[in-house]
């Protein structure tokens, strides 16, 4: 969807700045570029698969044929193709694989986050992301709100209020094609990421076998929110009700665009301040509270909304 030059610049803005451990899946041709850009910062590069279509959950002849047929079902087929669908479908597999590939000499990670390489599209002040204390605080509050243990919660940011028509969505209707999930970031504990991969491919296979369009990750994620709302926490930059105290009703402010607000949201205080001063040109930006996805859906779809019941047993998708 973008030029090679754009991706090269975005890769530089990501790899040269983020100090946390980075596990990157890429092609053998790009591996040296990634290492050069990363310099002395921690990086693991996995080049086992030349394309996302080669990963075990998508590599069988049946799945390749199904992916190739997806474009004709896509309302945005003018600028999407099977290669892009494979990139989107591979995300949960890559995350689960990275965590299970962790070297035994390393201390196990408490949380891990997927971030698209195009997360940063202009210079930024973020370095020591995420703020560990903020992660623990937000997971704790969402756990209390939803009744789900923090270790079982998956974070996915959202963009807009769901339309009234989505109130009656159920499992049999297929992926939920609305502008709701933000597809560039998700995260949680290793346990939550294993569940996320299982539930994603359970429904991916179920819907693609029925001949439905599953090529866009966000529509698949939307469906899973409706089926398992207690398993997700979120941040909603466009929601005016998440501001605390006297600022309630004002929203988060101009934080460089709602699509990437989650980066600011989980950043340490000094980096949030530097971003406001240098990159947001001294405009107001505030950290809002985390929400349970169930809270969002009940508030926007009506207090009487009842989540549809999932009927499928979760599978173990093919692993690396």
C-alpha atoms as a PDB file:
ATOM      1  CA  UNK A   1       0.000   0.000   0.000  1.00  0.00           C
ATOM      2  CA  UNK A   2       3.031   2.297   0.308  1.00  0.00           C
ATOM      3  CA  UNK A   3       6.306   2.837  -1.542  1.00  0.00           C
ATOM      4  CA  UNK A   4       9.577   1.106  -0.649  1.00  0.00           C
ATOM      5  CA  UNK A   5      11.010   4.521   0.204  1.00  0.00           C
ATOM      6  CA  UNK A   6       8.266   5.157   2.749  1.00  0.00           C
ATOM      7  CA  UNK A   7       8.795   1.782   4.396  1.00  0.00           C
ATOM      8  CA  UNK A   8      12.562   2.341   4.541  1.00  0.00           C
ATOM      9  CA  UNK A   9      12.046   5.628   6.380  1.00  0.00           C
ATOM     10  CA  UNK A  10       9.481   4.165   8.767  1.00  0.00           C
ATOM     11  CA  UNK A  11      11.810   1.247   9.502  1.00  0.00           C
ATOM     12  CA  UNK A  12      14.586   3.704  10.351  1.00  0.00           C
ATOM     13  CA  UNK A  13      12.321   5.724  12.658  1.00  0.00           C
ATOM     14  CA  UNK A  14      11.407   2.530  14.504  1.00  0.00           C
ATOM     15  CA  UNK A  15      14.658   0.573  14.675  1.00  0.00           C
ATOM     16  CA  UNK A  16      16.980   3.469  15.506  1.00  0.00           C
ATOM     17  CA  UNK A  17      14.913   4.664  18.450  1.00  0.00           C
ATOM     18  CA  UNK A  18      13.105   1.962  20.447  1.00  0.00           C
ATOM     19  CA  UNK A  19      15.297   0.667  23.288  1.00  0.00           C
ATOM     20  CA  UNK A  20      13.194  -2.363  24.253  1.00  0.00           C
ATOM     21  CA  UNK A  21      14.037  -5.782  22.843  1.00  0.00           C
ATOM     22  CA  UNK A  22      12.805  -6.039  19.247  1.00  0.00           C
ATOM     23  CA  UNK A  23      11.972  -9.333  17.542  1.00  0.00           C
ATOM     24  CA  UNK A  24      11.595  -8.710  13.816  1.00  0.00           C
ATOM     25  CA  UNK A  25      10.282 -11.024  11.120  1.00  0.00           C
ATOM     26  CA  UNK A  26      11.578 -10.097   7.690  1.00  0.00           C
ATOM     27  CA  UNK A  27      13.051 -11.507   4.503  1.00  0.00           C
ATOM     28  CA  UNK A  28      16.696 -12.606   4.234  1.00  0.00           C
ATOM     29  CA  UNK A  29      17.256  -9.674   1.857  1.00  0.00           C
ATOM     30  CA  UNK A  30      16.252  -7.107   4.497  1.00  0.00           C
ATOM     31  CA  UNK A  31      17.968  -8.683   7.498  1.00  0.00           C
ATOM     32  CA  UNK A  32      21.280  -6.849   7.108  1.00  0.00           C
ATOM     33  CA  UNK A  33      19.492  -3.521   6.648  1.00  0.00           C
ATOM     34  CA  UNK A  34      17.544  -4.101   9.854  1.00  0.00           C
ATOM     35  CA  UNK A  35      20.704  -4.948  11.802  1.00  0.00           C
ATOM     36  CA  UNK A  36      22.524  -1.906  10.439  1.00  0.00           C
ATOM     37  CA  UNK A  37      19.690   0.437  11.398  1.00  0.00           C
ATOM     38  CA  UNK A  38      19.353  -1.125  14.822  1.00  0.00           C
ATOM     39  CA  UNK A  39      23.031  -0.681  15.670  1.00  0.00           C
ATOM     40  CA  UNK A  40      23.863  -1.676  19.265  1.00  0.00           C
ATOM     41  CA  UNK A  41      20.219  -1.866  20.380  1.00  0.00           C
ATOM     42  CA  UNK A  42      18.789  -5.352  21.088  1.00  0.00           C
ATOM     43  CA  UNK A  43      17.409  -7.109  18.003  1.00  0.00           C
ATOM     44  CA  UNK A  44      16.504 -10.661  17.018  1.00  0.00           C
ATOM     45  CA  UNK A  45      15.840 -11.141  13.297  1.00  0.00           C
ATOM     46  CA  UNK A  46      13.873 -14.170  12.100  1.00  0.00           C
ATOM     47  CA  UNK A  47      14.184 -14.905   8.374  1.00  0.00           C
ATOM     48  CA  UNK A  48      12.750 -18.425   8.292  1.00  0.00           C
ATOM     49  CA  UNK A  49       9.958 -17.461   5.919  1.00  0.00           C
ATOM     50  CA  UNK A  50      10.532 -15.615   2.652  1.00  0.00           C
ATOM     51  CA  UNK A  51       6.918 -14.405   2.576  1.00  0.00           C
ATOM     52  CA  UNK A  52       4.076 -14.445   5.115  1.00  0.00           C
ATOM     53  CA  UNK A  53       2.278 -16.965   2.894  1.00  0.00           C
ATOM     54  CA  UNK A  54       5.006 -19.457   3.855  1.00  0.00           C
ATOM     55  CA  UNK A  55       4.189 -19.512   7.574  1.00  0.00           C
ATOM     56  CA  UNK A  56       2.755 -22.856   8.762  1.00  0.00           C
ATOM     57  CA  UNK A  57      -0.867 -21.668   9.268  1.00  0.00           C
ATOM     58  CA  UNK A  58      -1.033 -20.402   5.654  1.00  0.00           C
ATOM     59  CA  UNK A  59       1.409 -22.627   3.774  1.00  0.00           C
ATOM     60  CA  UNK A  60      -0.776 -25.565   2.748  1.00  0.00           C
ATOM     61  CA  UNK A  61      -2.005 -25.658  -0.879  1.00  0.00           C
ATOM     62  CA  UNK A  62      -5.582 -25.319   0.370  1.00  0.00           C
ATOM     63  CA  UNK A  63      -4.874 -22.149   2.362  1.00  0.00           C
ATOM     64  CA  UNK A  64      -2.803 -20.609  -0.448  1.00  0.00           C
ATOM     65  CA  UNK A  65      -5.654 -21.184  -2.882  1.00  0.00           C
ATOM     66  CA  UNK A  66      -8.165 -19.703  -0.456  1.00  0.00           C
ATOM     67  CA  UNK A  67      -6.007 -16.614   0.112  1.00  0.00           C
ATOM     68  CA  UNK A  68      -5.617 -16.076  -3.632  1.00  0.00           C
ATOM     69  CA  UNK A  69      -9.412 -16.109  -3.998  1.00  0.00           C
ATOM     70  CA  UNK A  70      -9.934 -13.483  -1.287  1.00  0.00           C
ATOM     71  CA  UNK A  71      -9.269 -10.434  -3.461  1.00  0.00           C
ATOM     72  CA  UNK A  72     -12.489 -10.833  -5.439  1.00  0.00           C
ATOM     73  CA  UNK A  73     -14.452 -10.720  -2.186  1.00  0.00           C
ATOM     74  CA  UNK A  74     -12.728  -7.541  -0.962  1.00  0.00           C
ATOM     75  CA  UNK A  75     -14.609  -4.245  -1.258  1.00  0.00           C
ATOM     76  CA  UNK A  76     -11.163  -2.590  -1.326  1.00  0.00           C
ATOM     77  CA  UNK A  77      -9.686  -4.973  -3.884  1.00  0.00           C
ATOM     78  CA  UNK A  78      -8.280  -2.110  -5.964  1.00  0.00           C
ATOM     79  CA  UNK A  79      -5.441  -1.703  -3.438  1.00  0.00           C
ATOM     80  CA  UNK A  80      -5.308  -5.012  -1.545  1.00  0.00           C
ATOM     81  CA  UNK A  81      -3.992  -8.417  -2.637  1.00  0.00           C
ATOM     82  CA  UNK A  82      -3.245 -11.904  -1.315  1.00  0.00           C
ATOM     83  CA  UNK A  83       0.250 -10.916  -0.168  1.00  0.00           C
ATOM     84  CA  UNK A  84      -1.177  -8.161   2.017  1.00  0.00           C
ATOM     85  CA  UNK A  85      -3.872 -10.461   3.411  1.00  0.00           C
ATOM     86  CA  UNK A  86      -1.107 -12.882   4.397  1.00  0.00           C
ATOM     87  CA  UNK A  87       0.836 -10.113   6.176  1.00  0.00           C
ATOM     88  CA  UNK A  88      -2.248  -9.215   8.195  1.00  0.00           C
ATOM     89  CA  UNK A  89      -3.125 -12.829   8.980  1.00  0.00           C
ATOM     90  CA  UNK A  90       0.421 -13.636  10.110  1.00  0.00           C
ATOM     91  CA  UNK A  91       0.581 -11.132  12.976  1.00  0.00           C
ATOM     92  CA  UNK A  92      -0.763 -13.319  15.783  1.00  0.00           C
ATOM     93  CA  UNK A  93       1.371 -16.248  14.614  1.00  0.00           C
ATOM     94  CA  UNK A  94       4.496 -14.093  14.551  1.00  0.00           C
ATOM     95  CA  UNK A  95       3.844 -12.809  18.065  1.00  0.00           C
ATOM     96  CA  UNK A  96       3.235 -16.261  19.534  1.00  0.00           C
ATOM     97  CA  UNK A  97       6.243 -17.662  17.666  1.00  0.00           C
ATOM     98  CA  UNK A  98       8.545 -14.893  18.897  1.00  0.00           C
ATOM     99  CA  UNK A  99       7.587 -15.519  22.514  1.00  0.00           C
ATOM    100  CA  UNK A 100       8.044 -19.277  22.171  1.00  0.00           C
ATOM    101  CA  UNK A 101      11.393 -18.772  20.436  1.00  0.00           C
ATOM    102  CA  UNK A 102      12.784 -16.872  23.404  1.00  0.00           C
ATOM    103  CA  UNK A 103      16.287 -18.021  24.315  1.00  0.00           C
ATOM    104  CA  UNK A 104      16.297 -19.979  27.610  1.00  0.00           C
ATOM    105  CA  UNK A 105      19.087 -17.787  28.998  1.00  0.00           C
ATOM    106  CA  UNK A 106      16.826 -14.734  28.866  1.00  0.00           C
ATOM    107  CA  UNK A 107      14.428 -13.804  31.618  1.00  0.00           C
ATOM    108  CA  UNK A 108      10.859 -14.514  30.397  1.00  0.00           C
ATOM    109  CA  UNK A 109       8.937 -11.470  29.236  1.00  0.00           C
ATOM    110  CA  UNK A 110       5.971 -10.363  31.331  1.00  0.00           C
ATOM    111  CA  UNK A 111       4.336  -8.540  28.409  1.00  0.00           C
ATOM    112  CA  UNK A 112       4.972  -8.283  24.691  1.00  0.00           C
ATOM    113  CA  UNK A 113       3.578  -5.939  22.053  1.00  0.00           C
ATOM    114  CA  UNK A 114       3.158  -6.200  18.323  1.00  0.00           C
ATOM    115  CA  UNK A 115       3.810  -2.903  16.550  1.00  0.00           C
ATOM    116  CA  UNK A 116       3.709  -2.412  12.792  1.00  0.00           C
ATOM    117  CA  UNK A 117       7.021  -1.248  11.357  1.00  0.00           C
ATOM    118  CA  UNK A 118       5.135   1.804  10.063  1.00  0.00           C
ATOM    119  CA  UNK A 119       4.112   2.914  13.560  1.00  0.00           C
ATOM    120  CA  UNK A 120       6.351   5.999  13.400  1.00  0.00           C
ATOM    121  CA  UNK A 121       5.954   8.119  10.294  1.00  0.00           C
ATOM    122  CA  UNK A 122       7.758  11.235  11.504  1.00  0.00           C
ATOM    123  CA  UNK A 123      10.517  11.994  14.042  1.00  0.00           C
ATOM    124  CA  UNK A 124       9.503  11.284  17.634  1.00  0.00           C
ATOM    125  CA  UNK A 125      10.798  11.347  21.207  1.00  0.00           C
ATOM    126  CA  UNK A 126       9.888   7.786  22.193  1.00  0.00           C
ATOM    127  CA  UNK A 127      12.789   5.627  23.340  1.00  0.00           C
ATOM    128  CA  UNK A 128      12.127   3.658  26.534  1.00  0.00           C
ATOM    129  CA  UNK A 129       8.708   2.391  25.514  1.00  0.00           C
ATOM    130  CA  UNK A 130       6.561   1.096  27.110  1.00  0.00           C
ATOM    131  CA  UNK A 131       6.452   2.427  30.653  1.00  0.00           C
ATOM    132  CA  UNK A 132       6.253  -0.765  32.706  1.00  0.00           C
ATOM    133  CA  UNK A 133       4.348   0.864  35.546  1.00  0.00           C
ATOM    134  CA  UNK A 134       1.686   2.141  33.169  1.00  0.00           C
ATOM    135  CA  UNK A 135       1.257  -1.289  31.608  1.00  0.00           C
ATOM    136  CA  UNK A 136       0.707  -2.878  35.008  1.00  0.00           C
ATOM    137  CA  UNK A 137      -1.642  -0.112  36.092  1.00  0.00           C
ATOM    138  CA  UNK A 138      -3.825  -0.278  32.978  1.00  0.00           C
ATOM    139  CA  UNK A 139      -4.017  -4.080  32.984  1.00  0.00           C
ATOM    140  CA  UNK A 140      -4.925  -4.048  36.680  1.00  0.00           C
ATOM    141  CA  UNK A 141      -7.730  -1.519  36.185  1.00  0.00           C
ATOM    142  CA  UNK A 142      -9.131  -3.329  33.132  1.00  0.00           C
ATOM    143  CA  UNK A 143      -8.971  -6.624  35.011  1.00  0.00           C
ATOM    144  CA  UNK A 144     -10.994  -5.174  37.858  1.00  0.00           C
ATOM    145  CA  UNK A 145     -13.514  -3.702  35.404  1.00  0.00           C
ATOM    146  CA  UNK A 146     -13.969  -6.858  33.337  1.00  0.00           C
ATOM    147  CA  UNK A 147     -13.471  -9.566  35.947  1.00  0.00           C
ATOM    148  CA  UNK A 148     -10.821 -11.161  33.717  1.00  0.00           C
ATOM    149  CA  UNK A 149      -7.378 -11.909  35.184  1.00  0.00           C
ATOM    150  CA  UNK A 150      -4.786  -9.428  33.936  1.00  0.00           C
ATOM    151  CA  UNK A 151      -2.692 -12.251  32.475  1.00  0.00           C
ATOM    152  CA  UNK A 152      -5.591 -13.155  30.148  1.00  0.00           C
ATOM    153  CA  UNK A 153      -6.213  -9.678  28.718  1.00  0.00           C
ATOM    154  CA  UNK A 154      -5.265  -8.634  25.181  1.00  0.00           C
ATOM    155  CA  UNK A 155      -4.949  -4.951  24.319  1.00  0.00           C
ATOM    156  CA  UNK A 156      -6.132  -3.612  20.965  1.00  0.00           C
ATOM    157  CA  UNK A 157      -6.725   0.150  20.485  1.00  0.00           C
ATOM    158  CA  UNK A 158      -9.960   1.263  18.825  1.00  0.00           C
ATOM    159  CA  UNK A 159     -10.874   4.212  16.647  1.00  0.00           C
ATOM    160  CA  UNK A 160     -14.600   5.054  16.360  1.00  0.00           C
ATOM    161  CA  UNK A 161     -17.883   4.248  18.075  1.00  0.00           C
ATOM    162  CA  UNK A 162     -19.394   1.107  16.528  1.00  0.00           C
ATOM    163  CA  UNK A 163     -22.500   1.703  14.387  1.00  0.00           C
ATOM    164  CA  UNK A 164     -25.953   0.756  15.637  1.00  0.00           C
ATOM    165  CA  UNK A 165     -26.135  -1.946  12.969  1.00  0.00           C
ATOM    166  CA  UNK A 166     -23.399  -3.911  14.738  1.00  0.00           C
ATOM    167  CA  UNK A 167     -25.629  -4.392  17.773  1.00  0.00           C
ATOM    168  CA  UNK A 168     -27.204  -7.494  16.218  1.00  0.00           C
ATOM    169  CA  UNK A 169     -23.998  -9.041  14.866  1.00  0.00           C
ATOM    170  CA  UNK A 170     -23.483 -12.706  15.719  1.00  0.00           C
ATOM    171  CA  UNK A 171     -20.951 -15.442  15.010  1.00  0.00           C
ATOM    172  CA  UNK A 172     -22.756 -16.790  11.938  1.00  0.00           C
ATOM    173  CA  UNK A 173     -22.462 -13.431  10.124  1.00  0.00           C
ATOM    174  CA  UNK A 174     -18.706 -13.604   9.567  1.00  0.00           C
ATOM    175  CA  UNK A 175     -16.040 -10.914  10.084  1.00  0.00           C
ATOM    176  CA  UNK A 176     -17.464  -7.586  11.255  1.00  0.00           C
ATOM    177  CA  UNK A 177     -16.673  -5.025   8.553  1.00  0.00           C
ATOM    178  CA  UNK A 178     -16.752  -1.736  10.443  1.00  0.00           C
ATOM    179  CA  UNK A 179     -14.100   0.877  11.303  1.00  0.00           C
ATOM    180  CA  UNK A 180     -13.401  -0.049  14.903  1.00  0.00           C
ATOM    181  CA  UNK A 181     -10.158  -1.927  15.672  1.00  0.00           C
ATOM    182  CA  UNK A 182      -6.791  -0.272  15.055  1.00  0.00           C
ATOM    183  CA  UNK A 183      -4.694  -2.943  13.399  1.00  0.00           C
ATOM    184  CA  UNK A 184      -1.180  -1.677  14.049  1.00  0.00           C
ATOM    185  CA  UNK A 185      -0.780  -2.747  17.685  1.00  0.00           C
ATOM    186  CA  UNK A 186      -1.802  -5.458  20.123  1.00  0.00           C
ATOM    187  CA  UNK A 187      -0.196  -6.997  23.163  1.00  0.00           C
ATOM    188  CA  UNK A 188      -0.425  -8.828  26.449  1.00  0.00           C
ATOM    189  CA  UNK A 189       1.241 -11.573  28.433  1.00  0.00           C
ATOM    190  CA  UNK A 190       2.697 -14.637  26.676  1.00  0.00           C
ATOM    191  CA  UNK A 191      -0.335 -16.597  27.885  1.00  0.00           C
ATOM    192  CA  UNK A 192      -2.730 -14.046  26.388  1.00  0.00           C
ATOM    193  CA  UNK A 193      -0.790 -13.980  23.113  1.00  0.00           C
ATOM    194  CA  UNK A 194      -1.032 -17.763  22.810  1.00  0.00           C
ATOM    195  CA  UNK A 195      -4.819 -17.534  23.255  1.00  0.00           C
ATOM    196  CA  UNK A 196      -4.991 -14.648  20.750  1.00  0.00           C
ATOM    197  CA  UNK A 197      -3.263 -16.751  18.099  1.00  0.00           C
ATOM    198  CA  UNK A 198      -5.535 -19.720  18.759  1.00  0.00           C
ATOM    199  CA  UNK A 199      -8.795 -17.773  18.668  1.00  0.00           C
ATOM    200  CA  UNK A 200      -7.721 -15.809  15.590  1.00  0.00           C
ATOM    201  CA  UNK A 201      -6.960 -18.862  13.475  1.00  0.00           C
ATOM    202  CA  UNK A 202      -9.956 -20.789  14.818  1.00  0.00           C
ATOM    203  CA  UNK A 203     -12.239 -18.167  13.295  1.00  0.00           C
ATOM    204  CA  UNK A 204      -9.987 -17.388  10.316  1.00  0.00           C
ATOM    205  CA  UNK A 205     -10.226 -21.005   9.166  1.00  0.00           C
ATOM    206  CA  UNK A 206     -13.922 -21.253  10.032  1.00  0.00           C
ATOM    207  CA  UNK A 207     -14.861 -18.199   7.983  1.00  0.00           C
ATOM    208  CA  UNK A 208     -12.516 -18.772   5.041  1.00  0.00           C
ATOM    209  CA  UNK A 209     -13.805 -22.346   4.737  1.00  0.00           C
ATOM    210  CA  UNK A 210     -17.302 -20.879   4.415  1.00  0.00           C
ATOM    211  CA  UNK A 211     -16.123 -18.683   1.545  1.00  0.00           C
ATOM    212  CA  UNK A 212     -16.268 -15.425   3.523  1.00  0.00           C
ATOM    213  CA  UNK A 213     -13.798 -12.542   3.279  1.00  0.00           C
ATOM    214  CA  UNK A 214     -11.200 -12.782   6.060  1.00  0.00           C
ATOM    215  CA  UNK A 215      -8.392 -10.856   4.384  1.00  0.00           C
ATOM    216  CA  UNK A 216      -8.504  -7.786   6.607  1.00  0.00           C
ATOM    217  CA  UNK A 217      -7.246  -8.356  10.137  1.00  0.00           C
ATOM    218  CA  UNK A 218      -9.339  -5.568  11.649  1.00  0.00           C
ATOM    219  CA  UNK A 219     -12.664  -7.094  10.587  1.00  0.00           C
ATOM    220  CA  UNK A 220     -11.592 -10.407  12.090  1.00  0.00           C
ATOM    221  CA  UNK A 221     -10.541  -8.691  15.309  1.00  0.00           C
ATOM    222  CA  UNK A 222     -13.849  -6.822  15.502  1.00  0.00           C
ATOM    223  CA  UNK A 223     -15.708 -10.131  15.406  1.00  0.00           C
ATOM    224  CA  UNK A 224     -13.568 -11.488  18.230  1.00  0.00           C
ATOM    225  CA  UNK A 225     -14.261  -8.389  20.362  1.00  0.00           C
ATOM    226  CA  UNK A 226     -17.998  -9.058  20.063  1.00  0.00           C
ATOM    227  CA  UNK A 227     -17.578 -12.753  20.914  1.00  0.00           C
ATOM    228  CA  UNK A 228     -15.075 -12.305  23.762  1.00  0.00           C
ATOM    229  CA  UNK A 229     -15.485  -8.718  25.055  1.00  0.00           C
ATOM    230  CA  UNK A 230     -14.210  -9.581  28.532  1.00  0.00           C
ATOM    231  CA  UNK A 231     -10.862 -10.758  27.119  1.00  0.00           C
ATOM    232  CA  UNK A 232      -9.860  -7.356  25.731  1.00  0.00           C
ATOM    233  CA  UNK A 233      -8.791  -4.011  27.116  1.00  0.00           C
ATOM    234  CA  UNK A 234      -8.522  -0.964  24.924  1.00  0.00           C
ATOM    235  CA  UNK A 235      -7.632   2.695  24.667  1.00  0.00           C
ATOM    236  CA  UNK A 236     -10.011   4.930  22.718  1.00  0.00           C
ATOM    237  CA  UNK A 237      -8.472   8.307  21.910  1.00  0.00           C
ATOM    238  CA  UNK A 238     -11.715   9.578  20.348  1.00  0.00           C
ATOM    239  CA  UNK A 239     -13.824   8.808  23.419  1.00  0.00           C
ATOM    240  CA  UNK A 240     -14.658  11.991  25.378  1.00  0.00           C
ATOM    241  CA  UNK A 241     -15.756  10.044  28.456  1.00  0.00           C
ATOM    242  CA  UNK A 242     -12.371   8.580  29.293  1.00  0.00           C
ATOM    243  CA  UNK A 243     -10.834  11.813  30.573  1.00  0.00           C
ATOM    244  CA  UNK A 244     -10.664  11.888  34.376  1.00  0.00           C
ATOM    245  CA  UNK A 245     -11.956  14.520  36.768  1.00  0.00           C
ATOM    246  CA  UNK A 246     -12.613  18.085  35.600  1.00  0.00           C
ATOM    247  CA  UNK A 247     -11.394  17.296  32.077  1.00  0.00           C
ATOM    248  CA  UNK A 248     -14.132  14.730  31.463  1.00  0.00           C
ATOM    249  CA  UNK A 249     -15.760  15.342  28.103  1.00  0.00           C
ATOM    250  CA  UNK A 250     -12.698  16.922  26.498  1.00  0.00           C
ATOM    251  CA  UNK A 251     -11.034  13.834  25.027  1.00  0.00           C
ATOM    252  CA  UNK A 252      -7.318  13.210  24.980  1.00  0.00           C
ATOM    253  CA  UNK A 253      -6.474  16.293  22.948  1.00  0.00           C
ATOM    254  CA  UNK A 254      -4.357  16.740  19.839  1.00  0.00           C
ATOM    255  CA  UNK A 255      -1.849  13.942  20.360  1.00  0.00           C
ATOM    256  CA  UNK A 256      -0.416  13.668  16.887  1.00  0.00           C
ATOM    257  CA  UNK A 257      -3.351  11.711  15.489  1.00  0.00           C
ATOM    258  CA  UNK A 258      -5.670   9.192  17.099  1.00  0.00           C
ATOM    259  CA  UNK A 259      -4.280   6.263  15.065  1.00  0.00           C
ATOM    260  CA  UNK A 260      -1.009   6.216  17.011  1.00  0.00           C
ATOM    261  CA  UNK A 261      -2.210   7.632  20.327  1.00  0.00           C
ATOM    262  CA  UNK A 262      -1.416   4.324  22.045  1.00  0.00           C
ATOM    263  CA  UNK A 263       2.333   5.030  21.670  1.00  0.00           C
ATOM    264  CA  UNK A 264       2.026   8.290  23.625  1.00  0.00           C
ATOM    265  CA  UNK A 265      -0.346   6.567  26.052  1.00  0.00           C
ATOM    266  CA  UNK A 266       2.174   3.924  27.134  1.00  0.00           C
ATOM    267  CA  UNK A 267       5.266   6.155  27.045  1.00  0.00           C
ATOM    268  CA  UNK A 268       7.216   7.298  30.141  1.00  0.00           C
ATOM    269  CA  UNK A 269       6.362  10.786  31.499  1.00  0.00           C
ATOM    270  CA  UNK A 270       9.539  12.489  30.236  1.00  0.00           C
ATOM    271  CA  UNK A 271       8.998  11.199  26.712  1.00  0.00           C
ATOM    272  CA  UNK A 272       5.350  12.216  26.718  1.00  0.00           C
ATOM    273  CA  UNK A 273       6.388  15.733  27.775  1.00  0.00           C
ATOM    274  CA  UNK A 274       9.134  15.897  25.151  1.00  0.00           C
ATOM    275  CA  UNK A 275       6.700  14.755  22.482  1.00  0.00           C
ATOM    276  CA  UNK A 276       4.181  17.421  23.433  1.00  0.00           C
ATOM    277  CA  UNK A 277       6.835  20.146  23.402  1.00  0.00           C
ATOM    278  CA  UNK A 278       8.846  19.190  20.336  1.00  0.00           C
ATOM    279  CA  UNK A 279       6.539  17.257  18.037  1.00  0.00           C
ATOM    280  CA  UNK A 280       2.998  18.270  18.977  1.00  0.00           C
ATOM    281  CA  UNK A 281       4.033  21.947  19.106  1.00  0.00           C
ATOM    282  CA  UNK A 282       3.030  22.512  22.744  1.00  0.00           C
ATOM    283  CA  UNK A 283      -0.581  21.409  22.217  1.00  0.00           C
ATOM    284  CA  UNK A 284      -2.633  19.699  24.900  1.00  0.00           C
ATOM    285  CA  UNK A 285      -2.348  15.939  25.122  1.00  0.00           C
ATOM    286  CA  UNK A 286      -3.402  13.831  28.077  1.00  0.00           C
ATOM    287  CA  UNK A 287      -3.180  10.223  29.161  1.00  0.00           C
ATOM    288  CA  UNK A 288      -6.674   8.759  29.376  1.00  0.00           C
ATOM    289  CA  UNK A 289      -7.755   5.631  31.229  1.00  0.00           C
ATOM    290  CA  UNK A 290      -7.887   2.092  29.923  1.00  0.00           C
ATOM    291  CA  UNK A 291     -11.261   0.500  29.233  1.00  0.00           C
ATOM    292  CA  UNK A 292     -12.595  -3.004  29.141  1.00  0.00           C
ATOM    293  CA  UNK A 293     -13.918  -3.768  25.647  1.00  0.00           C
ATOM    294  CA  UNK A 294     -17.131  -4.947  27.269  1.00  0.00           C
ATOM    295  CA  UNK A 295     -17.549  -1.509  28.857  1.00  0.00           C
ATOM    296  CA  UNK A 296     -17.131   0.188  25.470  1.00  0.00           C
ATOM    297  CA  UNK A 297     -19.605  -2.095  23.718  1.00  0.00           C
ATOM    298  CA  UNK A 298     -22.264  -1.907  26.428  1.00  0.00           C
ATOM    299  CA  UNK A 299     -21.990   1.871  26.558  1.00  0.00           C
ATOM    300  CA  UNK A 300     -22.138   2.386  22.793  1.00  0.00           C
ATOM    301  CA  UNK A 301     -24.542  -0.411  21.821  1.00  0.00           C
ATOM    302  CA  UNK A 302     -26.847  -0.022  24.806  1.00  0.00           C
ATOM    303  CA  UNK A 303     -26.909  -1.415  28.319  1.00  0.00           C
ATOM    304  CA  UNK A 304     -29.187  -4.254  27.217  1.00  0.00           C
ATOM    305  CA  UNK A 305     -26.697  -5.498  24.608  1.00  0.00           C
ATOM    306  CA  UNK A 306     -25.730  -9.113  25.216  1.00  0.00           C
ATOM    307  CA  UNK A 307     -22.541 -10.516  23.662  1.00  0.00           C
ATOM    308  CA  UNK A 308     -23.167 -13.268  21.104  1.00  0.00           C
ATOM    309  CA  UNK A 309     -22.125 -16.702  22.315  1.00  0.00           C
ATOM    310  CA  UNK A 310     -19.041 -18.235  20.659  1.00  0.00           C
ATOM    311  CA  UNK A 311     -19.638 -21.843  19.652  1.00  0.00           C
ATOM    312  CA  UNK A 312     -16.305 -23.003  18.239  1.00  0.00           C
ATOM    313  CA  UNK A 313     -13.736 -24.979  20.244  1.00  0.00           C
ATOM    314  CA  UNK A 314     -10.366 -23.297  19.918  1.00  0.00           C
ATOM    315  CA  UNK A 315      -7.786 -25.043  17.765  1.00  0.00           C
ATOM    316  CA  UNK A 316      -4.011 -25.213  17.921  1.00  0.00           C
ATOM    317  CA  UNK A 317      -2.958 -23.724  14.571  1.00  0.00           C
ATOM    318  CA  UNK A 318       0.143 -25.118  12.850  1.00  0.00           C
ATOM    319  CA  UNK A 319       3.240 -23.915  14.691  1.00  0.00           C
ATOM    320  CA  UNK A 320       6.799 -23.166  13.652  1.00  0.00           C
END
